[in-house]
Amino acid sequence: MRNRMMSCLGILGVVMMLSMPSPAFGRHPEIERALGALHDAREHLEHAAHDFGGHRVDAIRAIDEADRQLRICLGY
């Protein structure tokens, strides 16, 4: 029981840490706008009626990687 509670507290701590905005958020408006554009493009690709000549899955993966990299950049 104690181990389970400690695990839950650890997971809660990680979730809280990841959900906190970066201290740099607000200092890089261009990056923030790019993240918004990436989000919109991903939504469009996910709900499109076609697969863009077979490139939809690769494009979504590239968007996810770009999002990850930009969020790392916001930490600086």
N, C-alpha and C. Protein backbone atom coordinates (compact mmCIF):
# COMPACT_ATOMS: atom_id res chain seq x y z
N MET A 1 0.83 -1.19 0.00
CA MET A 1 0.00 0.00 0.00
C MET A 1 0.88 1.26 0.00
N ARG A 2 1.91 1.24 0.82
CA ARG A 2 2.79 2.41 0.91
C ARG A 2 3.53 2.63 -0.41
N ASN A 3 3.99 1.56 -1.04
CA ASN A 3 4.69 1.68 -2.32
C ASN A 3 3.76 2.24 -3.39
N ARG A 4 2.52 1.81 -3.36
CA ARG A 4 1.56 2.30 -4.35
C ARG A 4 1.32 3.79 -4.16
N MET A 5 1.20 4.23 -2.91
CA MET A 5 0.98 5.64 -2.62
C MET A 5 2.19 6.47 -3.05
N MET A 6 3.38 5.98 -2.79
CA MET A 6 4.59 6.70 -3.19
C MET A 6 4.68 6.80 -4.71
N SER A 7 4.30 5.73 -5.40
CA SER A 7 4.30 5.76 -6.86
C SER A 7 3.32 6.79 -7.38
N CYS A 8 2.13 6.83 -6.79
CA CYS A 8 1.12 7.80 -7.22
C CYS A 8 1.60 9.23 -6.97
N LEU A 9 2.23 9.47 -5.83
CA LEU A 9 2.75 10.80 -5.54
C LEU A 9 3.87 11.18 -6.51
N GLY A 10 4.70 10.23 -6.87
CA GLY A 10 5.77 10.48 -7.83
C GLY A 10 5.21 10.84 -9.19
N ILE A 11 4.21 10.09 -9.63
CA ILE A 11 3.58 10.37 -10.92
C ILE A 11 2.90 11.73 -10.88
N LEU A 12 2.22 12.04 -9.80
CA LEU A 12 1.57 13.33 -9.66
C LEU A 12 2.59 14.47 -9.74
N GLY A 13 3.73 14.28 -9.11
CA GLY A 13 4.78 15.30 -9.15
C GLY A 13 5.29 15.53 -10.56
N VAL A 14 5.50 14.46 -11.30
CA VAL A 14 5.97 14.59 -12.68
C VAL A 14 4.93 15.29 -13.53
N VAL A 15 3.66 14.91 -13.38
CA VAL A 15 2.59 15.54 -14.15
C VAL A 15 2.52 17.03 -13.84
N MET A 16 2.62 17.40 -12.57
CA MET A 16 2.57 18.81 -12.20
C MET A 16 3.76 19.57 -12.79
N MET A 17 4.93 18.97 -12.76
CA MET A 17 6.12 19.62 -13.29
C MET A 17 5.97 19.84 -14.80
N LEU A 18 5.47 18.85 -15.52
CA LEU A 18 5.32 18.97 -16.96
C LEU A 18 4.21 19.93 -17.36
N SER A 19 3.23 20.13 -16.50
CA SER A 19 2.12 21.01 -16.85
C SER A 19 2.42 22.47 -16.53
N MET A 20 3.47 22.74 -15.79
CA MET A 20 3.82 24.12 -15.47
C MET A 20 4.40 24.80 -16.70
N PRO A 21 3.99 26.05 -16.95
CA PRO A 21 4.55 26.74 -18.10
C PRO A 21 6.03 27.00 -17.92
N SER A 22 6.73 27.01 -19.02
CA SER A 22 8.16 27.29 -19.01
C SER A 22 8.39 28.73 -18.57
N PRO A 23 9.47 29.01 -17.83
CA PRO A 23 9.76 30.40 -17.46
C PRO A 23 9.99 31.27 -18.68
N ALA A 24 10.37 30.68 -19.80
CA ALA A 24 10.62 31.46 -21.01
C ALA A 24 9.35 31.71 -21.80
N PHE A 25 8.22 31.08 -21.41
CA PHE A 25 6.98 31.25 -22.16
C PHE A 25 6.59 32.72 -22.09
N GLY A 26 6.29 33.30 -23.22
CA GLY A 26 5.98 34.72 -23.28
C GLY A 26 7.14 35.55 -23.81
N ARG A 27 8.35 35.00 -23.72
CA ARG A 27 9.53 35.72 -24.19
C ARG A 27 9.85 35.40 -25.64
N HIS A 28 9.19 34.41 -26.20
CA HIS A 28 9.46 33.98 -27.57
C HIS A 28 8.14 33.88 -28.34
N PRO A 29 7.53 35.03 -28.65
CA PRO A 29 6.21 34.99 -29.29
C PRO A 29 6.22 34.30 -30.65
N GLU A 30 7.32 34.37 -31.38
CA GLU A 30 7.39 33.71 -32.68
C GLU A 30 7.29 32.20 -32.54
N ILE A 31 7.98 31.67 -31.52
CA ILE A 31 7.93 30.23 -31.28
C ILE A 31 6.54 29.83 -30.81
N GLU A 32 5.94 30.64 -29.96
CA GLU A 32 4.59 30.35 -29.50
C GLU A 32 3.60 30.34 -30.66
N ARG A 33 3.74 31.28 -31.60
CA ARG A 33 2.87 31.30 -32.78
C ARG A 33 3.12 30.06 -33.65
N ALA A 34 4.38 29.67 -33.77
CA ALA A 34 4.71 28.48 -34.56
C ALA A 34 4.06 27.24 -33.94
N LEU A 35 4.08 27.14 -32.63
CA LEU A 35 3.45 26.00 -31.97
C LEU A 35 1.95 25.98 -32.26
N GLY A 36 1.32 27.15 -32.26
CA GLY A 36 -0.10 27.23 -32.58
C GLY A 36 -0.37 26.79 -34.02
N ALA A 37 0.49 27.24 -34.94
CA ALA A 37 0.33 26.87 -36.35
C ALA A 37 0.52 25.37 -36.53
N LEU A 38 1.50 24.80 -35.83
CA LEU A 38 1.72 23.36 -35.91
C LEU A 38 0.50 22.60 -35.39
N HIS A 39 -0.06 23.08 -34.31
CA HIS A 39 -1.25 22.44 -33.74
C HIS A 39 -2.40 22.47 -34.76
N ASP A 40 -2.61 23.63 -35.39
CA ASP A 40 -3.68 23.75 -36.38
C ASP A 40 -3.44 22.82 -37.57
N ALA A 41 -2.20 22.77 -38.04
CA ALA A 41 -1.88 21.90 -39.19
C ALA A 41 -2.10 20.44 -38.83
N ARG A 42 -1.70 20.05 -37.62
CA ARG A 42 -1.89 18.66 -37.19
C ARG A 42 -3.37 18.31 -37.15
N GLU A 43 -4.17 19.21 -36.58
CA GLU A 43 -5.62 18.98 -36.53
C GLU A 43 -6.19 18.81 -37.94
N HIS A 44 -5.76 19.66 -38.86
CA HIS A 44 -6.24 19.58 -40.24
C HIS A 44 -5.86 18.23 -40.86
N LEU A 45 -4.62 17.82 -40.67
CA LEU A 45 -4.17 16.55 -41.23
C LEU A 45 -4.93 15.37 -40.63
N GLU A 46 -5.16 15.41 -39.33
CA GLU A 46 -5.85 14.30 -38.67
C GLU A 46 -7.28 14.13 -39.17
N HIS A 47 -7.93 15.23 -39.51
CA HIS A 47 -9.35 15.16 -39.87
C HIS A 47 -9.59 15.29 -41.36
N ALA A 48 -8.54 15.30 -42.14
CA ALA A 48 -8.69 15.43 -43.60
C ALA A 48 -9.33 14.18 -44.19
N ALA A 49 -10.00 14.38 -45.31
CA ALA A 49 -10.69 13.27 -45.97
C ALA A 49 -9.75 12.41 -46.80
N HIS A 50 -8.53 12.87 -47.01
CA HIS A 50 -7.58 12.09 -47.82
C HIS A 50 -6.23 12.04 -47.11
N ASP A 51 -5.27 11.30 -47.68
CA ASP A 51 -3.99 11.10 -47.01
C ASP A 51 -2.84 11.87 -47.64
N PHE A 52 -3.16 12.87 -48.45
CA PHE A 52 -2.14 13.75 -49.04
C PHE A 52 -1.07 12.95 -49.79
N GLY A 53 -1.54 12.06 -50.64
CA GLY A 53 -0.62 11.27 -51.45
C GLY A 53 0.27 10.34 -50.64
N GLY A 54 -0.23 9.92 -49.50
CA GLY A 54 0.54 9.02 -48.65
C GLY A 54 1.49 9.71 -47.69
N HIS A 55 1.42 11.03 -47.60
CA HIS A 55 2.36 11.78 -46.76
C HIS A 55 1.77 12.23 -45.42
N ARG A 56 0.50 11.96 -45.18
CA ARG A 56 -0.13 12.45 -43.96
C ARG A 56 0.55 11.92 -42.70
N VAL A 57 0.80 10.64 -42.62
CA VAL A 57 1.39 10.06 -41.41
C VAL A 57 2.78 10.64 -41.16
N ASP A 58 3.59 10.74 -42.20
CA ASP A 58 4.94 11.31 -42.04
C ASP A 58 4.86 12.78 -41.64
N ALA A 59 3.90 13.51 -42.19
CA ALA A 59 3.76 14.93 -41.85
C ALA A 59 3.37 15.09 -40.38
N ILE A 60 2.48 14.24 -39.91
CA ILE A 60 2.08 14.31 -38.49
C ILE A 60 3.27 14.00 -37.59
N ARG A 61 4.07 13.01 -37.96
CA ARG A 61 5.27 12.69 -37.18
C ARG A 61 6.24 13.87 -37.16
N ALA A 62 6.41 14.52 -38.31
CA ALA A 62 7.32 15.67 -38.39
C ALA A 62 6.80 16.83 -37.54
N ILE A 63 5.49 17.03 -37.53
CA ILE A 63 4.90 18.08 -36.70
C ILE A 63 5.14 17.78 -35.23
N ASP A 64 4.94 16.52 -34.84
CA ASP A 64 5.17 16.15 -33.44
C ASP A 64 6.62 16.39 -33.03
N GLU A 65 7.56 16.07 -33.91
CA GLU A 65 8.97 16.30 -33.60
C GLU A 65 9.29 17.79 -33.54
N ALA A 66 8.74 18.55 -34.47
CA ALA A 66 8.95 20.01 -34.45
C ALA A 66 8.38 20.61 -33.17
N ASP A 67 7.20 20.15 -32.76
CA ASP A 67 6.59 20.62 -31.52
C ASP A 67 7.50 20.32 -30.34
N ARG A 68 8.03 19.11 -30.30
CA ARG A 68 8.91 18.71 -29.20
C ARG A 68 10.15 19.60 -29.15
N GLN A 69 10.75 19.83 -30.31
CA GLN A 69 11.96 20.65 -30.36
C GLN A 69 11.68 22.10 -29.96
N LEU A 70 10.57 22.65 -30.43
CA LEU A 70 10.24 24.03 -30.09
C LEU A 70 9.96 24.18 -28.60
N ARG A 71 9.33 23.19 -28.00
CA ARG A 71 9.07 23.27 -26.55
C ARG A 71 10.40 23.22 -25.76
N ILE A 72 11.36 22.48 -26.27
CA ILE A 72 12.68 22.47 -25.65
C ILE A 72 13.29 23.87 -25.77
N CYS A 73 13.17 24.47 -26.94
CA CYS A 73 13.70 25.82 -27.15
C CYS A 73 13.10 26.83 -26.17
N LEU A 74 11.82 26.67 -25.87
CA LEU A 74 11.17 27.61 -24.95
C LEU A 74 11.78 27.55 -23.56
N GLY A 75 12.50 26.51 -23.25
CA GLY A 75 13.13 26.40 -21.95
C GLY A 75 14.38 27.26 -21.80
N TYR A 76 14.79 27.92 -22.88
CA TYR A 76 16.02 28.72 -22.84
C TYR A 76 15.72 30.18 -23.05
